[in-house]
N, C-alpha and C. Protein backbone atom coordinates (compact mmCIF):
# COMPACT_ATOMS: atom_id res chain seq x y z
N MET A 1 13.53 -12.64 -17.88
CA MET A 1 14.58 -12.35 -16.56
C MET A 1 14.39 -12.98 -15.78
N GLU A 2 15.26 -14.15 -14.89
CA GLU A 2 14.44 -14.93 -13.65
C GLU A 2 14.43 -14.03 -12.60
N ASN A 3 13.85 -13.96 -11.72
CA ASN A 3 13.68 -13.81 -9.77
C ASN A 3 15.40 -13.03 -9.53
N ALA A 4 15.93 -14.00 -9.73
CA ALA A 4 17.80 -13.98 -8.90
C ALA A 4 18.50 -12.70 -9.85
N GLU A 5 17.61 -12.80 -11.45
CA GLU A 5 18.19 -11.94 -11.95
C GLU A 5 17.98 -10.89 -11.82
N LEU A 6 16.88 -10.57 -11.61
CA LEU A 6 15.87 -9.11 -11.00
C LEU A 6 16.77 -8.78 -9.91
N GLN A 7 16.77 -10.00 -8.63
CA GLN A 7 16.93 -9.13 -7.45
C GLN A 7 18.71 -9.09 -7.78
N LYS A 8 19.67 -9.32 -8.62
CA LYS A 8 20.72 -9.02 -8.65
C LYS A 8 20.44 -7.36 -8.84
N LYS A 9 19.78 -7.12 -10.24
CA LYS A 9 19.90 -5.67 -10.73
C LYS A 9 19.29 -4.60 -9.87
N ILE A 10 18.59 -5.13 -8.72
CA ILE A 10 18.07 -4.00 -8.58
C ILE A 10 18.80 -3.76 -6.99
N GLU A 11 19.46 -5.07 -6.83
CA GLU A 11 20.63 -4.95 -5.72
C GLU A 11 22.34 -3.88 -5.80
N ASN A 12 22.34 -3.92 -7.16
CA ASN A 12 23.33 -3.50 -7.80
C ASN A 12 23.10 -1.44 -7.39
N ARG A 13 21.62 -1.57 -8.17
CA ARG A 13 21.06 0.08 -7.80
C ARG A 13 20.71 0.74 -6.47
N PHE A 14 20.60 -0.17 -5.78
CA PHE A 14 20.08 0.06 -4.38
C PHE A 14 21.09 -1.20 -3.33
N PRO A 15 22.33 -1.01 -2.99
CA PRO A 15 23.04 -2.06 -2.10
C PRO A 15 22.67 -2.07 -1.00
N GLY A 16 22.33 -3.32 -0.40
CA GLY A 16 21.73 -3.37 0.62
C GLY A 16 20.59 -3.61 0.96
N SER A 17 20.01 -3.68 -0.56
CA SER A 17 18.73 -4.11 -0.29
C SER A 17 18.37 -4.97 -0.01
N ALA A 18 16.67 -5.43 1.20
CA ALA A 18 16.32 -6.18 1.90
C ALA A 18 15.16 -7.04 0.93
N TRP A 19 15.30 -7.98 1.29
CA TRP A 19 14.18 -9.03 0.60
C TRP A 19 13.68 -9.78 1.26
N GLN A 20 12.43 -10.30 1.22
CA GLN A 20 11.36 -11.30 1.88
C GLN A 20 11.24 -12.77 1.36
N THR A 21 11.41 -13.29 2.20
CA THR A 21 11.27 -15.13 1.59
C THR A 21 10.48 -15.02 -0.24
N GLN A 22 10.91 -16.06 -0.51
CA GLN A 22 9.85 -15.71 -2.02
C GLN A 22 8.77 -16.70 -1.38
N GLU A 23 7.66 -16.56 -1.64
CA GLU A 23 6.49 -16.92 -1.78
C GLU A 23 6.23 -18.12 -2.95
N PRO A 24 4.97 -18.75 -2.25
CA PRO A 24 4.60 -20.06 -3.51
C PRO A 24 4.27 -19.57 -4.75
N SER A 25 3.64 -18.24 -5.03
CA SER A 25 3.43 -17.58 -6.20
C SER A 25 4.64 -17.25 -7.00
N GLY A 26 5.68 -17.31 -6.78
CA GLY A 26 7.06 -16.98 -7.63
C GLY A 26 7.25 -15.38 -7.40
N THR A 27 6.58 -14.55 -6.30
CA THR A 27 6.86 -13.28 -6.57
C THR A 27 7.65 -12.92 -5.27
N TRP A 28 8.61 -11.92 -5.57
CA TRP A 28 9.55 -11.31 -4.83
C TRP A 28 9.15 -10.33 -3.73
N THR A 29 9.67 -9.60 -2.67
CA THR A 29 9.24 -9.10 -1.90
C THR A 29 10.30 -8.33 -1.63
N LEU A 30 10.90 -7.11 -2.47
CA LEU A 30 11.18 -6.18 -1.98
C LEU A 30 11.36 -5.04 -1.01
N VAL A 31 12.26 -4.94 0.31
CA VAL A 31 11.88 -4.12 1.45
C VAL A 31 12.08 -3.13 0.80
N ALA A 32 11.57 -1.80 0.62
CA ALA A 32 12.42 -0.80 0.42
C ALA A 32 12.38 0.59 1.34
N GLU A 33 12.95 1.47 1.41
CA GLU A 33 12.75 2.42 3.02
C GLU A 33 11.95 3.24 1.98
N ARG A 34 11.06 3.56 3.02
CA ARG A 34 9.71 4.73 2.81
C ARG A 34 10.38 6.03 2.42
N SER A 35 11.78 6.70 2.66
CA SER A 35 11.83 8.07 2.38
C SER A 35 12.80 7.90 1.27
N GLY A 36 12.63 6.51 0.28
CA GLY A 36 13.23 6.43 -1.31
C GLY A 36 12.49 5.77 -1.85
N ILE A 37 11.23 5.61 -1.73
CA ILE A 37 9.78 5.06 -2.40
C ILE A 37 9.96 5.54 -3.90
N LYS A 38 9.94 6.79 -4.04
CA LYS A 38 9.97 7.02 -5.33
C LYS A 38 11.25 6.94 -6.04
N GLU A 39 12.22 7.25 -5.54
CA GLU A 39 13.23 6.77 -6.54
C GLU A 39 13.23 5.42 -6.77
N VAL A 40 12.83 4.55 -5.91
CA VAL A 40 13.33 3.08 -6.01
C VAL A 40 11.52 2.50 -7.33
N LEU A 41 10.88 3.13 -7.38
CA LEU A 41 9.52 2.84 -7.89
C LEU A 41 9.58 3.45 -9.56
N ARG A 42 10.60 4.86 -9.94
CA ARG A 42 10.73 5.43 -10.83
C ARG A 42 11.82 4.51 -11.01
N PHE A 43 13.00 3.94 -10.66
CA PHE A 43 13.85 3.02 -11.53
C PHE A 43 13.33 1.91 -11.88
N LEU A 44 12.42 1.14 -11.10
CA LEU A 44 11.71 -0.05 -11.40
C LEU A 44 11.03 0.13 -12.55
N ARG A 45 9.88 1.45 -12.70
CA ARG A 45 9.09 1.53 -13.95
C ARG A 45 10.49 1.40 -15.41
N ASP A 46 11.34 2.60 -15.01
CA ASP A 46 11.99 3.13 -16.07
C ASP A 46 13.33 2.83 -16.63
N ASP A 47 13.72 1.14 -15.64
CA ASP A 47 14.79 0.61 -16.24
C ASP A 47 14.27 -0.32 -17.47
N SER A 48 14.90 -0.24 -18.61
CA SER A 48 14.23 -1.06 -19.62
C SER A 48 14.41 -2.49 -19.74
N GLU A 49 15.19 -3.20 -18.82
CA GLU A 49 15.61 -4.70 -18.67
C GLU A 49 14.26 -4.83 -17.60
N LEU A 50 13.94 -4.28 -16.52
CA LEU A 50 12.95 -4.55 -15.49
C LEU A 50 11.65 -4.12 -16.17
N ALA A 51 11.27 -2.85 -16.15
CA ALA A 51 9.95 -2.28 -17.11
C ALA A 51 8.90 -2.44 -16.24
N PHE A 52 9.13 -2.28 -15.18
CA PHE A 52 7.57 -2.53 -14.00
C PHE A 52 6.77 -1.23 -14.14
N ASP A 53 6.26 -1.29 -15.61
CA ASP A 53 5.45 -0.22 -16.07
C ASP A 53 3.79 -0.24 -15.53
N PHE A 54 3.44 -1.11 -14.79
CA PHE A 54 1.56 -1.60 -14.56
C PHE A 54 2.05 -1.62 -12.80
N LEU A 55 1.23 -0.58 -12.47
CA LEU A 55 0.76 -1.00 -10.69
C LEU A 55 -0.24 -1.56 -10.91
N MET A 56 -0.46 -2.73 -10.48
CA MET A 56 -1.08 -3.37 -10.16
C MET A 56 -2.01 -3.22 -9.05
N ASP A 57 -1.58 -3.26 -7.91
CA ASP A 57 -2.35 -2.60 -6.60
C ASP A 57 -1.33 -2.16 -5.83
N LEU A 58 -1.98 -1.45 -4.67
CA LEU A 58 -1.30 -0.76 -3.21
C LEU A 58 -2.40 -0.73 -2.49
N PHE A 59 -1.94 -0.80 -1.17
CA PHE A 59 -2.77 -1.08 -0.40
C PHE A 59 -1.67 -1.07 1.09
N GLY A 60 -2.37 -0.79 1.87
CA GLY A 60 -2.17 -0.30 3.25
C GLY A 60 -2.00 -1.91 4.16
N VAL A 61 -1.04 -1.82 4.97
CA VAL A 61 -0.97 -3.16 6.18
C VAL A 61 -0.99 -2.64 7.57
N ASP A 62 -2.05 -3.46 8.85
CA ASP A 62 -1.75 -2.70 10.20
C ASP A 62 -1.07 -3.45 10.86
N TYR A 63 0.45 -3.81 10.97
CA TYR A 63 0.98 -4.60 11.85
C TYR A 63 0.58 -4.87 13.19
N LEU A 64 -0.12 -4.15 14.03
CA LEU A 64 -0.61 -4.03 15.12
C LEU A 64 -0.16 -5.21 15.91
N GLU A 65 0.68 -5.71 16.63
CA GLU A 65 0.69 -6.82 17.89
C GLU A 65 1.42 -7.89 17.24
N MET A 66 1.89 -7.43 15.93
CA MET A 66 2.42 -8.87 15.20
C MET A 66 4.18 -8.25 14.61
N GLU A 67 5.22 -9.34 14.52
CA GLU A 67 6.53 -8.94 14.52
C GLU A 67 6.75 -8.30 12.79
N ALA A 68 6.81 -7.08 13.09
CA ALA A 68 7.10 -6.52 12.24
C ALA A 68 8.28 -4.89 12.15
N PRO A 69 8.94 -4.78 11.81
CA PRO A 69 9.91 -3.57 12.01
C PRO A 69 9.05 -2.13 12.22
N GLU A 70 7.43 -1.81 11.94
CA GLU A 70 6.79 -0.85 12.11
C GLU A 70 5.57 -1.15 12.05
N ARG A 71 4.65 -0.50 12.56
CA ARG A 71 3.32 -0.78 13.00
C ARG A 71 2.23 -0.75 11.51
N PHE A 72 2.81 -0.16 10.29
CA PHE A 72 2.20 0.03 8.95
C PHE A 72 3.28 -0.26 7.87
N ALA A 73 2.35 -0.90 6.96
CA ALA A 73 3.20 -0.85 5.58
C ALA A 73 2.33 -0.58 4.57
N VAL A 74 3.01 -0.02 3.34
CA VAL A 74 2.61 0.25 1.83
C VAL A 74 2.96 -0.76 1.12
N VAL A 75 1.92 -1.73 0.61
CA VAL A 75 2.64 -2.68 -0.15
C VAL A 75 2.17 -2.27 -2.08
N TYR A 76 3.15 -2.10 -2.78
CA TYR A 76 2.66 -2.01 -4.27
C TYR A 76 3.16 -3.30 -4.97
N HIS A 77 2.16 -4.12 -5.83
CA HIS A 77 2.36 -4.63 -6.37
C HIS A 77 2.44 -4.28 -8.30
N LEU A 78 3.82 -4.54 -8.63
CA LEU A 78 4.18 -4.10 -9.86
C LEU A 78 3.84 -5.65 -11.35
N TYR A 79 3.96 -4.91 -12.01
CA TYR A 79 4.09 -6.11 -13.14
C TYR A 79 4.56 -5.50 -14.58
N SER A 80 5.25 -6.34 -15.41
CA SER A 80 5.64 -5.50 -16.72
C SER A 80 5.25 -6.42 -17.77
N MET A 81 4.86 -5.41 -18.50
CA MET A 81 3.32 -5.60 -19.64
C MET A 81 4.66 -6.35 -20.48
N LYS A 82 5.88 -5.82 -20.62
CA LYS A 82 6.90 -6.20 -21.80
C LYS A 82 7.72 -7.48 -21.28
N HIS A 83 7.77 -7.75 -20.05
CA HIS A 83 8.76 -8.82 -19.91
C HIS A 83 7.76 -10.20 -19.06
N GLY A 84 6.55 -9.72 -18.43
CA GLY A 84 5.89 -10.47 -17.68
C GLY A 84 6.22 -10.96 -16.44
N HIS A 85 7.35 -10.29 -15.88
CA HIS A 85 7.29 -10.57 -14.25
C HIS A 85 6.87 -9.64 -13.32
N ARG A 86 6.65 -10.19 -12.22
CA ARG A 86 6.18 -9.14 -11.17
C ARG A 86 6.92 -9.28 -10.13
N LEU A 87 6.61 -7.93 -9.06
CA LEU A 87 7.34 -7.78 -7.79
C LEU A 87 6.35 -7.18 -7.29
N ARG A 88 6.92 -7.41 -5.73
CA ARG A 88 5.79 -6.82 -4.42
C ARG A 88 6.81 -5.70 -4.01
N VAL A 89 6.96 -4.85 -4.07
CA VAL A 89 7.62 -3.77 -2.93
C VAL A 89 6.72 -3.22 -1.81
N LYS A 90 7.56 -3.71 -0.47
CA LYS A 90 6.84 -2.92 0.51
C LYS A 90 7.78 -2.14 1.43
N ALA A 91 7.19 -0.93 1.86
CA ALA A 91 8.27 0.05 2.91
C ALA A 91 7.06 0.12 4.19
N PHE A 92 7.91 -0.05 4.93
CA PHE A 92 7.23 0.30 6.30
C PHE A 92 7.11 1.27 6.76
N ILE A 93 6.48 1.88 7.78
CA ILE A 93 5.99 3.20 8.08
C ILE A 93 5.69 3.35 9.76
N PRO A 94 6.15 3.83 10.65
CA PRO A 94 5.95 3.97 11.97
C PRO A 94 4.65 4.70 12.18
N GLU A 95 4.30 4.30 13.37
CA GLU A 95 2.75 4.65 13.54
C GLU A 95 3.11 6.49 14.12
N THR A 96 4.52 6.64 14.53
CA THR A 96 4.16 7.88 15.21
C THR A 96 4.22 8.90 13.90
N SER A 97 5.18 8.97 12.81
CA SER A 97 4.82 9.50 11.56
C SER A 97 4.30 8.61 10.38
N ALA A 98 2.84 8.55 10.16
CA ALA A 98 2.46 7.48 9.40
C ALA A 98 2.29 8.22 7.92
N ALA A 99 3.64 8.19 7.69
CA ALA A 99 3.28 9.11 6.11
C ALA A 99 4.68 8.40 5.51
N ILE A 100 4.32 8.76 3.89
CA ILE A 100 5.14 8.38 2.90
C ILE A 100 4.84 9.00 1.53
N ASP A 101 5.63 9.37 0.67
CA ASP A 101 5.82 10.38 -0.11
C ASP A 101 4.64 9.26 -1.73
N SER A 102 3.65 10.17 -1.81
CA SER A 102 2.80 9.53 -3.16
C SER A 102 3.86 9.08 -4.37
N VAL A 103 2.94 8.46 -4.86
CA VAL A 103 4.09 7.95 -6.43
C VAL A 103 2.73 8.14 -7.20
N ALA A 104 1.58 8.96 -7.32
CA ALA A 104 0.72 9.07 -8.46
C ALA A 104 1.33 9.48 -9.50
N GLY A 105 2.64 10.57 -9.48
CA GLY A 105 3.20 10.94 -10.29
C GLY A 105 3.87 9.86 -11.21
N ILE A 106 4.30 9.01 -10.26
CA ILE A 106 5.16 8.11 -11.54
C ILE A 106 3.83 6.77 -12.17
N TYR A 107 3.07 6.31 -10.94
CA TYR A 107 2.11 5.60 -11.35
C TYR A 107 0.81 6.29 -11.00
N PRO A 108 0.19 7.16 -12.41
CA PRO A 108 -0.90 7.51 -12.08
C PRO A 108 -2.12 6.68 -11.32
N ALA A 109 -2.21 5.58 -11.65
CA ALA A 109 -3.50 4.89 -10.90
C ALA A 109 -2.82 4.74 -9.86
N ALA A 110 -2.18 5.21 -8.85
CA ALA A 110 -1.86 5.17 -7.43
C ALA A 110 -2.92 5.92 -6.92
N ASN A 111 -3.53 7.05 -7.41
CA ASN A 111 -4.13 8.05 -6.87
C ASN A 111 -5.02 7.29 -6.08
N TRP A 112 -6.23 6.68 -6.62
CA TRP A 112 -7.68 6.28 -5.73
C TRP A 112 -6.76 5.27 -4.91
N PRO A 113 -6.13 4.60 -5.00
CA PRO A 113 -5.67 3.41 -3.89
C PRO A 113 -4.83 4.26 -2.79
N GLU A 114 -4.17 5.55 -2.68
CA GLU A 114 -3.42 5.94 -1.83
C GLU A 114 -4.36 6.80 -1.34
N ARG A 115 -5.81 7.50 -1.16
CA ARG A 115 -6.80 8.10 -1.16
C ARG A 115 -7.59 6.88 0.26
N GLU A 116 -7.93 5.60 -0.75
CA GLU A 116 -8.56 4.95 0.43
C GLU A 116 -7.45 4.05 1.19
N THR A 117 -6.22 4.14 0.93
CA THR A 117 -5.46 3.84 2.10
C THR A 117 -5.42 4.49 3.31
N TYR A 118 -5.29 5.93 2.63
CA TYR A 118 -5.44 7.16 3.98
C TYR A 118 -6.85 6.95 4.43
N ASP A 119 -7.65 6.88 3.37
CA ASP A 119 -9.31 6.87 3.98
C ASP A 119 -9.34 5.70 5.42
N GLN A 120 -8.33 4.54 4.93
CA GLN A 120 -8.96 3.48 6.28
C GLN A 120 -8.43 3.26 7.03
N TYR A 121 -6.47 3.62 6.76
CA TYR A 121 -5.59 3.60 7.91
C TYR A 121 -4.72 4.09 8.43
N GLY A 122 -5.36 5.99 7.99
CA GLY A 122 -4.96 7.05 8.10
C GLY A 122 -3.18 7.17 7.71
N ILE A 123 -2.70 6.46 6.76
CA ILE A 123 -1.71 6.86 6.63
C ILE A 123 -0.98 7.76 5.44
N ARG A 124 -0.74 9.00 5.51
CA ARG A 124 -0.70 10.31 4.46
C ARG A 124 0.59 9.84 3.37
N PHE A 125 -0.11 10.32 2.17
CA PHE A 125 0.71 10.30 1.22
C PHE A 125 0.92 11.38 0.98
N THR A 126 2.50 12.00 1.20
CA THR A 126 3.01 13.49 1.04
C THR A 126 3.04 13.64 -0.96
N GLY A 127 2.40 14.73 -0.64
CA GLY A 127 2.87 15.52 -2.47
C GLY A 127 1.23 14.58 -3.48
N HIS A 128 0.88 14.10 -2.60
CA HIS A 128 -0.86 13.78 -3.07
C HIS A 128 -1.49 14.38 -3.92
N PRO A 129 -2.15 14.82 -5.08
CA PRO A 129 -2.77 15.36 -5.50
C PRO A 129 -4.16 16.22 -5.13
N ASP A 130 -4.98 14.88 -4.47
CA ASP A 130 -6.04 15.25 -4.12
C ASP A 130 -5.96 14.23 -2.96
N LEU A 131 -5.80 14.51 -1.62
CA LEU A 131 -5.70 13.35 -0.77
C LEU A 131 -6.81 13.95 0.30
N ARG A 132 -8.09 12.92 0.19
CA ARG A 132 -8.97 13.28 0.99
C ARG A 132 -9.89 12.12 1.12
N ARG A 133 -10.70 11.78 2.28
CA ARG A 133 -11.37 10.02 1.82
C ARG A 133 -12.25 10.26 0.78
N LEU A 134 -12.36 8.96 0.49
CA LEU A 134 -12.78 8.21 -0.47
C LEU A 134 -13.92 7.24 -0.32
N LEU A 135 -14.14 6.54 0.94
CA LEU A 135 -14.90 5.84 1.22
C LEU A 135 -15.81 6.10 2.55
N ASN A 136 -15.16 6.95 3.55
CA ASN A 136 -16.02 7.38 4.60
C ASN A 136 -16.36 8.92 4.15
N PRO A 137 -17.57 9.31 4.81
CA PRO A 137 -17.94 10.66 5.22
C PRO A 137 -16.76 11.67 5.95
N ASP A 138 -16.89 13.00 5.44
CA ASP A 138 -15.35 13.80 5.64
C ASP A 138 -15.83 14.11 6.97
N ASP A 139 -16.84 13.54 7.75
CA ASP A 139 -16.56 14.33 8.90
C ASP A 139 -16.55 12.83 9.97
N PHE A 140 -16.16 11.59 9.39
CA PHE A 140 -16.29 10.10 10.21
C PHE A 140 -14.59 10.30 10.61
N THR A 141 -14.75 9.89 12.34
CA THR A 141 -13.94 10.07 12.91
C THR A 141 -13.07 8.71 13.17
N GLY A 142 -11.74 8.73 13.06
CA GLY A 142 -11.10 7.25 12.80
C GLY A 142 -10.63 6.95 11.32
N HIS A 143 -10.23 5.93 11.58
CA HIS A 143 -9.38 5.03 10.31
C HIS A 143 -10.07 3.52 10.34
N PRO A 144 -11.48 2.95 10.01
CA PRO A 144 -11.83 1.73 10.08
C PRO A 144 -11.19 0.58 9.91
N LEU A 145 -9.64 0.48 8.95
CA LEU A 145 -9.12 -0.75 8.63
C LEU A 145 -7.69 -0.76 10.03
N ARG A 146 -7.47 -0.14 10.32
CA ARG A 146 -7.00 -0.23 11.76
C ARG A 146 -6.95 -1.16 12.50
N LYS A 147 -6.59 -2.47 13.18
CA LYS A 147 -7.02 -3.02 13.90
C LYS A 147 -7.51 -2.78 15.60
N ASP A 148 -6.79 -1.57 15.63
CA ASP A 148 -7.38 -0.76 17.26
C ASP A 148 -8.65 0.09 17.04
N PHE A 149 -9.20 0.04 15.43
CA PHE A 149 -10.57 0.29 15.85
C PHE A 149 -11.71 -0.58 16.17
N PRO A 150 -12.65 0.34 17.39
CA PRO A 150 -13.80 -1.15 17.29
C PRO A 150 -14.47 -1.73 16.48
N VAL A 151 -14.83 -2.62 16.83
CA VAL A 151 -15.52 -3.85 15.96
C VAL A 151 -16.94 -3.71 15.84
N GLU A 152 -17.09 -3.27 16.86
CA GLU A 152 -19.06 -2.37 16.77
C GLU A 152 -19.03 -1.05 16.07
N GLY A 153 -17.93 -0.36 15.83
CA GLY A 153 -17.66 0.99 15.49
C GLY A 153 -17.66 2.08 16.60
N ILE A 154 -17.84 3.32 16.07
CA ILE A 154 -18.02 4.10 16.96
C ILE A 154 -19.37 4.77 17.28
N GLY A 155 -20.16 4.55 16.88
CA GLY A 155 -21.93 4.81 17.34
C GLY A 155 -22.35 5.80 16.28
N TYR A 156 -21.72 5.69 15.07
CA TYR A 156 -22.29 6.20 13.99
C TYR A 156 -23.51 5.44 13.64
N ARG A 157 -23.82 3.82 13.57
CA ARG A 157 -24.93 3.67 13.24
C ARG A 157 -26.09 3.98 14.04
N ASP A 158 -26.05 4.31 15.37
CA ASP A 158 -26.63 4.78 16.23
C ASP A 158 -27.67 6.00 15.76
N GLN A 159 -27.27 6.44 14.81
CA GLN A 159 -27.76 7.93 14.64
C GLN A 159 -28.96 7.75 13.43
N PHE A 160 -28.97 6.50 12.88
CA PHE A 160 -29.93 5.92 12.11
C PHE A 160 -31.23 5.43 12.48
N GLU A 161 -32.22 5.42 11.70
CA GLU A 161 -33.31 4.90 11.87
C GLU A 161 -33.27 3.46 11.73
N LYS A 162 -33.84 2.91 12.96
CA LYS A 162 -33.94 1.53 12.61
C LYS A 162 -35.13 0.67 11.77
N ILE A 163 -34.79 -0.35 10.73
CA ILE A 163 -36.03 -0.17 9.70
C ILE A 163 -36.46 -1.86 10.39
N VAL A 164 -37.71 -2.14 11.26
CA VAL A 164 -38.00 -3.75 11.55
C VAL A 164 -38.64 -4.20 10.32
N ARG A 165 -37.82 -5.67 9.70
CA ARG A 165 -38.87 -6.08 8.66
C ARG A 165 -39.19 -7.20 9.60
N THR A 166 -40.48 -7.48 8.82
CA THR A 166 -41.25 -8.85 9.55
C THR A 166 -41.49 -9.56 8.15
N ARG A 167 -41.86 -11.15 8.56
CA ARG A 167 -41.50 -11.88 8.02
C ARG A 167 -42.69 -11.81 6.50
N ALA A 168 -42.65 -11.76 5.64
CA ALA A 168 -43.97 -11.89 4.76
C ALA A 168 -44.92 -13.44 5.09
N GLN A 169 -46.18 -13.56 5.11
CA GLN A 169 -46.94 -14.70 5.57
C GLN A 169 -47.75 -14.89 4.11
C-alpha cells in the first residue's frame, strides 16, 4: 500500500485528519487529537490492511518558543511487520493540561517510553499501569528535557563531593 492509499484509508475512518508534510524519509505524519489517541492507534494496529503492529518509538517534544499548536507533543513511530510501511503519529498537548491517555494497553512496548516521557517532560499518561520516574530520583524537582529547565541544573550536583583528579606523571 502506497502512502497516498494509507492516507486515504485513515481519512475515511477519521474524516478531517491533519497531515504534516512528507519528509525525505518517506514517512508521513498523522496529527491526531489527543482525546482520540487510543482510538486512532487501536485502529492503526487492528485494521488488517494497515496492521501497524510494532511501536518502534514513543517520545515527547517541547515546542517552547517555536511555532506549534501547543507547547508539547507526544510522537509515536509505528511500523507494519506484515506490510513493511511506516507512519508517524503526533498528538499535541497543551502546557496547562499536560496529559494524554496511555497506550500501554494497546502497545505494551509503550510502558517504559511513557514513563521516560513523564519523567523528562512532565507529560502525564492517564491510565498508565505504573507511572513513576524512570531516570531521575523520586525526589528530583522538575523535568530536565523541558526547554525552560536551567542548563546548569537546579543545584543537585552541589550536594556531591568534588573529586579532583591529578595528572599521572
